[in-house]
């Protein structure tokens, strides 16, 4: 199974514990929360003034609890925001809503899932009379049925020992003569087709809709010189062992590799795919309209988003956050002005409407 960014964040947290960067006490608290999470338990335990925020596990309990839940509870006495780590896949959200037994209020999802689920009538629409669109740096972070209080990026990473001349974008990624070596790609069409489109020379400012046939043909050009990753740890390992010399991976993993290799393995922000960490609200949620105020709090609290960047590496999305980011974190912040300006916001609406077809054809190409 191909791993999501959120699931990978959990694995990174486990690695931080091993390195002594996160306390065991914090981890045990997160794991305890995971152990208490279940559909039945939440259905029974959910109080009248409690909202359940569902994440993908691990340190997300601490991060989302501290930086999303606590500020909201402080501003709204009597309300509790509980963390649930059972993993809010689109399939589980659909089953819950269609059964008429919704026990979740908001879920860490994706732009594509918000489009798919909203078309099935399974999500609450975002009330932008409550949520302020000006609290997002880009329209891709404020969808009709989802908002993004964090971001992440897919970036070009390379071994500088093998390439004294640094690559500058996806055209170089495809140039096996100038930059010989094995390429590392994800076993999922999202981002892979977008970067193929840029390698074809299309203006990044007008990247969508993608030309599917042209992008797939571009993928075919290098599939014989490529390896593919399913999860974040695997993406690191391909680069660490030298099996791949240039790849496309999440910025959080690129940061780890750069530090571990003492700068030998580098990454660039140019033409990176900036992605929205979208939260959605399942229809019939027990907390009702109060979830809109929680969304507004998450989007509006720039300071809390910077805290999440420091803990988990997730980029802030509030325009006021950039000035609050410590200097040491700026090079690794996907929404720092110096980084966001050279990236391309991934079009979640396009992917929500085309993911299933695009992914099926992409997998056929790379396995054919």
Protein backbone atom coordinates (compact mmCIF):
# COMPACT_ATOMS: atom_id res chain seq x y z
CA UNK A 1 0.00 0.00 0.00
CA UNK A 2 1.27 3.48 -0.87
CA UNK A 3 1.83 5.53 2.25
CA UNK A 4 0.31 8.98 2.79
CA UNK A 5 2.27 12.00 4.00
CA UNK A 6 0.35 11.89 7.29
CA UNK A 7 1.27 8.26 7.95
CA UNK A 8 4.88 9.08 7.16
CA UNK A 9 4.81 11.90 9.72
CA UNK A 10 4.12 9.22 12.35
CA UNK A 11 7.17 7.22 11.26
CA UNK A 12 9.36 10.31 11.37
CA UNK A 13 8.19 10.94 14.93
CA UNK A 14 9.24 7.43 15.93
CA UNK A 15 12.67 8.09 14.49
CA UNK A 16 12.91 11.35 16.45
CA UNK A 17 12.28 9.42 19.66
CA UNK A 18 15.11 7.04 18.84
CA UNK A 19 17.42 10.01 18.31
CA UNK A 20 16.30 11.64 21.56
CA UNK A 21 14.64 14.59 19.81
CA UNK A 22 11.20 13.83 21.31
CA UNK A 23 10.66 12.59 24.85
CA UNK A 24 9.40 9.11 25.49
CA UNK A 25 6.79 10.64 27.76
CA UNK A 26 5.35 12.59 24.83
CA UNK A 27 5.34 9.48 22.69
CA UNK A 28 3.67 7.37 25.37
CA UNK A 29 0.93 9.97 25.65
CA UNK A 30 0.37 9.78 21.92
CA UNK A 31 0.33 5.99 21.93
CA UNK A 32 -2.13 5.95 24.82
CA UNK A 33 -4.44 8.12 22.77
CA UNK A 34 -4.09 5.67 19.89
CA UNK A 35 -5.01 2.78 22.15
CA UNK A 36 -8.22 4.47 23.24
CA UNK A 37 -9.36 5.24 19.72
CA UNK A 38 -12.16 3.13 18.27
CA UNK A 39 -15.46 3.74 16.57
CA UNK A 40 -17.49 2.25 19.39
CA UNK A 41 -15.52 3.90 22.14
CA UNK A 42 -15.80 7.33 20.60
CA UNK A 43 -19.48 6.92 19.93
CA UNK A 44 -20.11 6.13 23.59
CA UNK A 45 -17.65 8.55 25.15
CA UNK A 46 -18.28 11.62 23.04
CA UNK A 47 -19.82 14.27 25.25
CA UNK A 48 -22.38 16.85 24.07
CA UNK A 49 -19.68 19.52 24.00
CA UNK A 50 -16.82 17.50 22.58
CA UNK A 51 -15.40 17.39 19.09
CA UNK A 52 -13.28 14.55 17.77
CA UNK A 53 -10.35 15.38 15.51
CA UNK A 54 -9.10 12.34 13.60
CA UNK A 55 -5.48 11.98 12.53
CA UNK A 56 -3.10 9.28 11.31
CA UNK A 57 -1.37 8.49 14.59
CA UNK A 58 1.77 9.02 16.59
CA UNK A 59 3.02 12.51 17.28
CA UNK A 60 0.02 13.98 15.46
CA UNK A 61 -1.92 13.50 18.69
CA UNK A 62 0.49 15.78 20.49
CA UNK A 63 0.89 18.22 17.60
CA UNK A 64 -2.75 18.64 16.68
CA UNK A 65 -3.80 18.49 20.31
CA UNK A 66 -1.36 21.17 21.46
CA UNK A 67 -1.53 23.51 18.49
CA UNK A 68 -5.11 23.05 17.24
CA UNK A 69 -7.11 21.71 20.17
CA UNK A 70 -5.69 23.65 23.13
CA UNK A 71 -6.09 27.19 21.68
CA UNK A 72 -9.68 26.40 20.69
CA UNK A 73 -10.58 25.00 24.12
CA UNK A 74 -9.02 28.02 25.82
CA UNK A 75 -11.14 30.37 23.69
CA UNK A 76 -14.28 28.24 24.08
CA UNK A 77 -14.64 27.14 27.74
CA UNK A 78 -16.68 24.00 28.19
CA UNK A 79 -15.68 22.50 24.85
CA UNK A 80 -13.24 19.63 24.50
CA UNK A 81 -11.28 18.63 21.39
CA UNK A 82 -10.34 14.95 21.54
CA UNK A 83 -7.74 13.30 19.30
CA UNK A 84 -8.48 10.01 17.53
CA UNK A 85 -5.68 8.18 15.70
CA UNK A 86 -7.62 5.48 13.87
CA UNK A 87 -6.81 6.94 10.44
CA UNK A 88 -9.51 8.86 8.55
CA UNK A 89 -9.34 7.19 5.14
CA UNK A 90 -11.94 8.21 2.57
CA UNK A 91 -13.44 4.73 2.75
CA UNK A 92 -13.94 4.90 6.51
CA UNK A 93 -15.48 8.36 6.30
CA UNK A 94 -17.87 7.13 3.65
CA UNK A 95 -18.88 4.04 5.65
CA UNK A 96 -19.47 6.08 8.78
CA UNK A 97 -21.66 8.72 7.14
CA UNK A 98 -23.64 6.26 5.02
CA UNK A 99 -24.37 4.15 8.10
CA UNK A 100 -25.83 7.20 9.84
CA UNK A 101 -23.43 6.77 12.77
CA UNK A 102 -20.98 9.63 12.41
CA UNK A 103 -18.75 9.96 15.48
CA UNK A 104 -16.04 12.16 13.97
CA UNK A 105 -16.14 15.94 13.64
CA UNK A 106 -13.10 16.72 11.51
CA UNK A 107 -10.51 14.60 9.76
CA UNK A 108 -6.98 15.02 8.40
CA UNK A 109 -7.69 14.14 4.79
CA UNK A 110 -6.61 15.43 1.36
CA UNK A 111 -7.78 17.76 -1.37
CA UNK A 112 -8.57 14.85 -3.67
CA UNK A 113 -10.60 13.04 -0.99
CA UNK A 114 -12.52 16.22 -0.17
CA UNK A 115 -13.60 16.45 -3.81
CA UNK A 116 -14.53 12.77 -4.08
CA UNK A 117 -16.45 12.67 -0.80
CA UNK A 118 -18.24 15.97 -1.36
CA UNK A 119 -19.56 14.73 -4.70
CA UNK A 120 -21.16 11.86 -2.81
CA UNK A 121 -22.77 14.30 -0.38
CA UNK A 122 -20.76 13.04 2.58
CA UNK A 123 -19.11 16.23 3.84
CA UNK A 124 -20.12 19.49 5.49
CA UNK A 125 -19.47 22.56 3.38
CA UNK A 126 -17.01 25.06 4.84
CA UNK A 127 -18.79 28.17 6.10
CA UNK A 128 -16.64 31.05 4.90
CA UNK A 129 -18.68 33.52 6.87
CA UNK A 130 -17.02 31.89 9.89
CA UNK A 131 -13.71 30.72 8.38
CA UNK A 132 -11.66 33.60 6.98
CA UNK A 133 -10.27 32.90 3.52
CA UNK A 134 -7.69 35.63 4.10
CA UNK A 135 -6.08 33.30 6.66
CA UNK A 136 -4.69 31.19 3.78
CA UNK A 137 -1.79 32.13 1.54
CA UNK A 138 -3.26 30.42 -1.53
CA UNK A 139 -6.77 29.51 -2.78
CA UNK A 140 -5.73 25.84 -2.88
CA UNK A 141 -5.87 25.87 0.93
CA UNK A 142 -9.55 26.91 1.10
CA UNK A 143 -11.77 24.48 -0.78
CA UNK A 144 -15.56 24.29 -0.69
CA UNK A 145 -15.44 21.19 1.50
CA UNK A 146 -12.06 21.42 3.18
CA UNK A 147 -9.46 23.76 4.63
CA UNK A 148 -5.69 23.37 5.03
CA UNK A 149 -4.12 24.48 8.33
CA UNK A 150 -0.81 22.96 7.22
CA UNK A 151 1.13 22.18 4.05
CA UNK A 152 3.86 19.91 2.73
CA UNK A 153 5.90 19.68 -0.45
CA UNK A 154 7.32 17.13 -2.86
CA UNK A 155 10.82 18.26 -3.82
CA UNK A 156 13.75 17.26 -6.02
CA UNK A 157 16.52 15.64 -3.97
CA UNK A 158 19.95 14.72 -5.33
CA UNK A 159 23.39 13.41 -4.35
CA UNK A 160 25.77 16.34 -4.81
CA UNK A 161 28.77 14.00 -4.80
CA UNK A 162 27.50 12.58 -8.08
CA UNK A 163 26.31 15.88 -9.52
CA UNK A 164 28.75 18.76 -8.93
CA UNK A 165 26.42 20.89 -11.08
CA UNK A 166 23.11 21.05 -9.26
CA UNK A 167 19.87 20.23 -11.09
CA UNK A 168 17.46 23.16 -11.29
CA UNK A 169 14.11 21.50 -12.04
CA UNK A 170 12.26 18.56 -13.52
CA UNK A 171 13.75 18.99 -17.02
CA UNK A 172 17.11 18.09 -15.44
CA UNK A 173 15.46 15.18 -13.64
CA UNK A 174 14.60 13.75 -17.06
CA UNK A 175 18.01 14.53 -18.59
CA UNK A 176 19.86 11.23 -18.20
CA UNK A 177 22.78 12.41 -20.33
CA UNK A 178 23.63 15.50 -18.33
CA UNK A 179 22.64 13.86 -15.03
CA UNK A 180 23.15 10.07 -15.43
CA UNK A 181 21.90 7.73 -12.76
CA UNK A 182 18.83 6.05 -11.31
CA UNK A 183 15.76 8.16 -10.60
CA UNK A 184 13.50 7.76 -7.57
CA UNK A 185 9.75 8.24 -8.02
CA UNK A 186 6.65 7.51 -5.99
CA UNK A 187 4.39 4.58 -6.80
CA UNK A 188 1.46 6.99 -7.14
CA UNK A 189 0.49 9.33 -9.97
CA UNK A 190 -0.02 12.43 -7.82
CA UNK A 191 2.98 14.75 -8.27
CA UNK A 192 4.69 12.34 -10.69
CA UNK A 193 2.49 13.45 -13.59
CA UNK A 194 2.69 17.09 -12.51
CA UNK A 195 6.47 17.07 -12.61
CA UNK A 196 6.41 15.25 -15.97
CA UNK A 197 4.25 18.07 -17.31
CA UNK A 198 6.81 20.63 -16.16
CA UNK A 199 9.61 18.56 -17.71
CA UNK A 200 7.68 18.85 -20.99
CA UNK A 201 8.09 22.60 -20.74
CA UNK A 202 4.58 23.72 -19.79
CA UNK A 203 4.45 26.98 -17.85
CA UNK A 204 4.21 26.06 -14.13
CA UNK A 205 1.81 28.97 -13.63
CA UNK A 206 -0.63 27.32 -16.06
CA UNK A 207 0.12 23.68 -15.37
CA UNK A 208 -3.46 22.39 -15.22
CA UNK A 209 -5.20 20.54 -16.70
CA UNK A 210 -2.44 18.04 -17.25
CA UNK A 211 -2.01 16.45 -20.66
CA UNK A 212 -2.34 12.87 -19.45
CA UNK A 213 -1.14 11.15 -22.63
CA UNK A 214 1.90 13.40 -22.96
CA UNK A 215 2.77 13.01 -19.27
CA UNK A 216 2.54 9.22 -19.43
CA UNK A 217 4.75 9.15 -22.51
CA UNK A 218 7.25 11.32 -20.63
CA UNK A 219 7.21 8.83 -17.74
CA UNK A 220 7.98 6.04 -20.22
CA UNK A 221 11.21 7.82 -21.19
CA UNK A 222 12.83 7.17 -17.80
CA UNK A 223 10.93 4.21 -16.36
CA UNK A 224 13.83 1.90 -17.25
CA UNK A 225 16.13 4.05 -15.11
CA UNK A 226 13.76 4.48 -12.17
CA UNK A 227 12.93 2.86 -8.85
CA UNK A 228 9.72 3.54 -6.94
CA UNK A 229 8.91 4.16 -3.28
CA UNK A 230 5.76 3.37 -1.31
CA UNK A 231 6.57 5.07 2.00
CA UNK A 232 8.76 7.84 3.35
CA UNK A 233 11.31 5.60 5.04
CA UNK A 234 11.78 3.71 1.79
CA UNK A 235 12.33 6.97 -0.10
CA UNK A 236 15.13 7.84 2.31
CA UNK A 237 16.73 4.44 2.00
CA UNK A 238 16.94 4.53 -1.79
CA UNK A 239 18.92 7.77 -1.56
CA UNK A 240 20.93 6.76 1.50
CA UNK A 241 22.25 3.56 -0.09
CA UNK A 242 22.95 5.22 -3.43
CA UNK A 243 20.51 2.98 -5.28
CA UNK A 244 19.03 6.24 -6.57
CA UNK A 245 21.01 9.41 -7.16
CA UNK A 246 18.14 11.81 -7.78
CA UNK A 247 14.54 11.61 -6.67
CA UNK A 248 11.22 13.21 -5.78
CA UNK A 249 10.36 12.86 -2.09
CA UNK A 250 8.57 14.76 0.70
CA UNK A 251 10.40 17.79 2.07
CA UNK A 252 10.39 16.33 5.58
CA UNK A 253 12.39 13.31 4.40
CA UNK A 254 14.71 15.50 2.32
CA UNK A 255 15.53 17.50 5.47
CA UNK A 256 16.50 14.30 7.31
CA UNK A 257 18.75 13.16 4.47
CA UNK A 258 20.47 16.54 4.19
CA UNK A 259 21.26 16.61 7.91
CA UNK A 260 22.32 12.97 8.08
CA UNK A 261 24.66 13.25 5.07
CA UNK A 262 26.12 16.55 6.33
CA UNK A 263 24.87 18.31 3.23
CA UNK A 264 25.99 15.80 0.61
CA UNK A 265 22.40 14.93 -0.22
CA UNK A 266 20.67 18.19 -1.07
CA UNK A 267 17.26 19.27 -2.24
CA UNK A 268 15.80 22.22 -4.11
CA UNK A 269 12.51 24.03 -3.70
CA UNK A 270 12.34 25.14 -7.33
CA UNK A 271 9.34 23.52 -9.08
CA UNK A 272 8.45 21.66 -5.89
CA UNK A 273 4.79 20.64 -5.63
CA UNK A 274 3.25 22.48 -2.68
CA UNK A 275 0.36 20.47 -1.25
CA UNK A 276 -2.48 21.32 1.09
CA UNK A 277 -2.96 19.38 4.33
CA UNK A 278 -6.76 19.41 4.02
CA UNK A 279 -9.14 18.79 6.93
CA UNK A 280 -12.74 17.81 6.20
CA UNK A 281 -15.87 17.41 8.33
CA UNK A 282 -18.11 14.34 7.83
CA UNK A 283 -21.80 15.07 7.45
CA UNK A 284 -23.81 14.41 10.63
CA UNK A 285 -20.85 15.22 12.90
CA UNK A 286 -21.90 15.32 16.59
CA UNK A 287 -20.33 18.74 17.21
CA UNK A 288 -22.56 20.34 14.59
CA UNK A 289 -21.79 23.86 13.41
CA UNK A 290 -19.21 24.36 16.15
CA UNK A 291 -16.76 22.58 13.86
CA UNK A 292 -16.72 25.71 11.69
CA UNK A 293 -15.34 27.70 14.61
CA UNK A 294 -12.67 25.06 15.14
CA UNK A 295 -11.70 25.29 11.48
CA UNK A 296 -11.52 29.08 11.83
CA UNK A 297 -9.30 28.74 14.89
CA UNK A 298 -6.94 26.32 13.14
CA UNK A 299 -6.61 28.54 10.07
CA UNK A 300 -6.33 31.80 11.99
CA UNK A 301 -3.73 30.87 14.60
CA UNK A 302 -0.42 31.59 12.85
CA UNK A 303 1.62 31.10 16.01
CA UNK A 304 0.20 27.61 16.52
CA UNK A 305 0.98 26.67 12.92
CA UNK A 306 4.61 27.70 13.45
CA UNK A 307 4.67 25.44 16.50
CA UNK A 308 3.49 22.57 14.35
CA UNK A 309 6.28 23.30 11.86
CA UNK A 310 8.84 22.99 14.64
CA UNK A 311 7.39 19.74 15.96
CA UNK A 312 6.39 17.89 12.80
CA UNK A 313 7.81 19.82 9.84
CA UNK A 314 4.35 20.68 8.50
CA UNK A 315 4.38 24.06 6.80
CA UNK A 316 2.12 26.86 8.08
CA UNK A 317 -0.54 28.22 5.73
CA UNK A 318 -1.48 31.49 7.45
CA UNK A 319 0.25 34.44 5.70
CA UNK A 320 1.20 35.94 9.08
CA UNK A 321 3.20 32.86 10.04
CA UNK A 322 6.24 33.48 7.85
CA UNK A 323 7.49 36.34 10.00
CA UNK A 324 7.25 34.17 13.12
CA UNK A 325 9.31 31.22 11.84
CA UNK A 326 12.74 30.93 13.52
CA UNK A 327 15.69 31.47 11.18
CA UNK A 328 16.86 27.87 11.63
CA UNK A 329 13.55 26.54 10.32
CA UNK A 330 13.10 28.85 7.33
CA UNK A 331 15.14 26.73 4.90
CA UNK A 332 12.82 23.80 5.66
CA UNK A 333 9.50 25.67 5.64
CA UNK A 334 7.57 24.97 2.42
CA UNK A 335 5.62 28.22 2.76
CA UNK A 336 8.52 30.53 3.54
CA UNK A 337 8.32 33.41 1.02
CA UNK A 338 11.67 32.41 -0.47
CA UNK A 339 10.44 28.84 -1.00
CA UNK A 340 6.77 29.20 -1.82
CA UNK A 341 7.45 31.63 -4.66
CA UNK A 342 9.38 29.06 -6.70
CA UNK A 343 6.97 26.17 -6.11
CA UNK A 344 3.74 25.13 -7.81
CA UNK A 345 0.58 24.65 -5.72
CA UNK A 346 -0.81 21.22 -6.56
CA UNK A 347 -4.34 21.58 -7.92
CA UNK A 348 -6.45 19.48 -5.56
CA UNK A 349 -9.63 20.04 -7.55
CA UNK A 350 -8.04 18.64 -10.70
CA UNK A 351 -6.71 15.63 -8.80
CA UNK A 352 -10.00 15.04 -7.00
CA UNK A 353 -11.73 14.76 -10.35
CA UNK A 354 -9.04 12.72 -12.12
CA UNK A 355 -7.09 10.71 -9.55
CA UNK A 356 -8.62 7.29 -10.12
CA UNK A 357 -8.13 7.31 -13.90
CA UNK A 358 -4.72 8.99 -13.78
CA UNK A 359 -3.37 6.67 -11.13
CA UNK A 360 -4.56 3.51 -12.84
CA UNK A 361 -2.89 4.52 -16.09
CA UNK A 362 0.29 5.65 -14.34
CA UNK A 363 0.63 2.32 -12.52
CA UNK A 364 0.11 0.49 -15.82
CA UNK A 365 2.98 2.49 -17.35
CA UNK A 366 5.53 1.98 -14.57
CA UNK A 367 4.78 -1.72 -14.19
CA UNK A 368 4.43 -2.45 -17.89
